[in-house]
Amino acid sequence: MRADETRLHTEVTEAVIGCAFDVIKELGSGFLESVYEKALLLALKQKGLSAVAQQPLSVMFRGDNVGEFFADLVVEQKVLVELKAVKALIPEHQSQLINYLHASDMEVGLLINFGNPKLEIKRCFKARTA
């Protein structure tokens, strides 16, 4: 990872992370992912950020649409947020977010797990080609 990647959309990612901490502090762990999605969406909007839940994104292959997925949250049209409510994040969760980034025009994603009282967060970046 290049040094400039760590600063990419820092203001937005830090705001999302702050809101995620607010959500886990108020709700605790143990709810379904959909509850955390709605709570985080509300917290982001109350903070004045533009956020969309379940935004459809297309997967293109050789110029054709071969599938569609729904991003849990897209914040400020810059950061893709994938939410989980599981015991622990596994490598497949991070791979899922990276694949979503490749299918979108966004370069930064956050993987947030509300499944434990201690919030788990991973920041991911789309690999840049030279």
Protein backbone atom coordinates (compact mmCIF):
# COMPACT_ATOMS: atom_id res chain seq x y z
CA MET A 1 0.00 0.00 0.00
CA ARG A 2 1.33 3.39 -0.95
CA ALA A 3 1.42 6.21 1.59
CA ASP A 4 -1.07 8.30 -0.42
CA GLU A 5 -3.64 5.48 -0.20
CA THR A 6 -3.80 5.73 3.58
CA ARG A 7 -4.92 9.36 3.22
CA LEU A 8 -7.47 8.74 0.46
CA HIS A 9 -10.85 10.01 1.64
CA THR A 10 -9.64 10.09 5.23
CA GLU A 11 -12.25 12.61 6.34
CA VAL A 12 -15.09 10.42 5.10
CA THR A 13 -13.69 7.15 6.44
CA GLU A 14 -12.99 8.70 9.83
CA ALA A 15 -16.54 10.07 10.00
CA VAL A 16 -17.97 6.63 9.13
CA ILE A 17 -15.79 4.96 11.76
CA GLY A 18 -16.84 7.52 14.37
CA CYS A 19 -20.51 6.89 13.58
CA ALA A 20 -19.93 3.12 13.75
CA PHE A 21 -18.49 3.53 17.25
CA ASP A 22 -21.55 5.58 18.22
CA VAL A 23 -23.83 2.82 16.92
CA ILE A 24 -22.06 -0.02 18.76
CA LYS A 25 -21.92 2.08 21.92
CA GLU A 26 -25.68 2.69 21.85
CA LEU A 27 -26.93 -0.63 20.49
CA GLY A 28 -24.26 -3.09 21.58
CA SER A 29 -23.72 -6.30 19.64
CA GLY A 30 -26.18 -9.07 18.86
CA PHE A 31 -28.56 -7.52 16.33
CA LEU A 32 -28.95 -8.47 12.69
CA GLU A 33 -26.81 -6.70 10.11
CA SER A 34 -29.89 -4.86 8.79
CA VAL A 35 -30.38 -3.14 12.17
CA TYR A 36 -26.80 -1.84 12.14
CA GLU A 37 -27.18 -0.74 8.53
CA LYS A 38 -30.23 1.38 9.37
CA ALA A 39 -28.65 2.78 12.53
CA LEU A 40 -25.39 3.67 10.78
CA LEU A 41 -27.27 5.25 7.89
CA LEU A 42 -29.21 7.41 10.36
CA ALA A 43 -26.04 8.38 12.26
CA LEU A 44 -24.27 9.34 9.02
CA LYS A 45 -27.18 11.46 7.82
CA GLN A 46 -27.43 13.17 11.22
CA LYS A 47 -23.73 14.03 10.85
CA GLY A 48 -24.55 15.72 7.54
CA LEU A 49 -23.06 13.09 5.26
CA SER A 50 -24.66 11.82 2.08
CA ALA A 51 -25.22 8.08 2.46
CA VAL A 52 -27.21 5.55 0.46
CA ALA A 53 -28.14 2.04 1.60
CA GLN A 54 -28.32 -0.96 -0.72
CA GLN A 55 -27.01 0.93 -3.73
CA PRO A 56 -26.99 -1.36 -6.80
CA LEU A 57 -23.67 -1.76 -8.57
CA SER A 58 -23.08 -3.73 -11.77
CA VAL A 59 -20.33 -6.24 -12.41
CA MET A 60 -18.95 -5.85 -15.91
CA PHE A 61 -17.01 -8.48 -17.86
CA ARG A 62 -15.68 -7.69 -21.33
CA GLY A 63 -18.13 -4.86 -21.66
CA ASP A 64 -21.19 -6.82 -20.62
CA ASN A 65 -23.13 -6.70 -17.37
CA VAL A 66 -22.74 -10.17 -15.81
CA GLY A 67 -24.24 -9.46 -12.43
CA GLU A 68 -25.33 -7.00 -9.85
CA PHE A 69 -24.73 -6.62 -6.15
CA PHE A 70 -25.93 -4.18 -3.57
CA ALA A 71 -23.46 -2.18 -1.53
CA ASP A 72 -24.58 -2.01 2.10
CA LEU A 73 -23.73 1.69 2.23
CA VAL A 74 -22.11 4.21 -0.07
CA VAL A 75 -21.01 7.38 1.69
CA GLU A 76 -20.45 10.66 -0.16
CA GLN A 77 -20.18 8.58 -3.38
CA LYS A 78 -16.56 7.98 -2.29
CA VAL A 79 -16.51 5.17 0.27
CA LEU A 80 -18.15 1.77 -0.01
CA VAL A 81 -19.10 0.27 3.36
CA GLU A 82 -19.69 -3.45 3.83
CA LEU A 83 -21.30 -4.39 7.15
CA LYS A 84 -21.17 -7.66 9.01
CA ALA A 85 -22.67 -8.92 12.26
CA VAL A 86 -20.61 -12.07 12.73
CA LYS A 87 -18.46 -13.57 15.48
CA ALA A 88 -15.27 -12.70 13.60
CA LEU A 89 -14.25 -11.38 10.22
CA ILE A 90 -12.67 -13.92 7.90
CA PRO A 91 -10.51 -13.35 4.80
CA GLU A 92 -13.50 -13.95 2.52
CA HIS A 93 -15.23 -10.88 3.94
CA GLN A 94 -12.28 -8.69 2.97
CA SER A 95 -12.12 -10.33 -0.47
CA GLN A 96 -15.81 -9.54 -0.94
CA LEU A 97 -15.21 -5.85 -0.24
CA ILE A 98 -12.20 -5.71 -2.55
CA ASN A 99 -14.24 -7.34 -5.33
CA TYR A 100 -17.00 -4.78 -4.76
CA LEU A 101 -14.44 -1.99 -5.07
CA HIS A 102 -13.22 -3.43 -8.37
CA ALA A 103 -16.79 -3.55 -9.66
CA SER A 104 -17.43 0.06 -8.63
CA ASP A 105 -15.70 3.33 -9.39
CA MET A 106 -14.76 3.76 -5.72
CA GLU A 107 -11.22 3.30 -4.44
CA VAL A 108 -11.82 3.00 -0.69
CA GLY A 109 -13.94 0.64 1.33
CA LEU A 110 -14.60 -0.06 4.98
CA LEU A 111 -15.45 -3.49 6.33
CA ILE A 112 -17.20 -3.09 9.69
CA ASN A 113 -18.20 -5.95 11.96
CA PHE A 114 -20.79 -5.27 14.67
CA GLY A 115 -20.88 -8.92 15.79
CA ASN A 116 -18.77 -8.37 18.92
CA PRO A 117 -18.82 -5.70 21.62
CA LYS A 118 -15.39 -4.65 20.28
CA LEU A 119 -15.99 -3.15 16.84
CA GLU A 120 -13.86 -4.68 14.09
CA ILE A 121 -12.91 -2.39 11.19
CA LYS A 122 -10.75 -2.92 8.11
CA ARG A 123 -9.97 -0.25 5.54
CA CYS A 124 -9.44 -1.62 2.02
CA PHE A 125 -8.23 -0.04 -1.19
CA LYS A 126 -8.73 -0.90 -4.83
CA ALA A 127 -5.41 -2.02 -6.29
CA ARG A 128 -4.13 0.53 -8.75
CA THR A 129 -2.65 -0.58 -12.03
CA ALA A 130 0.49 1.11 -13.28
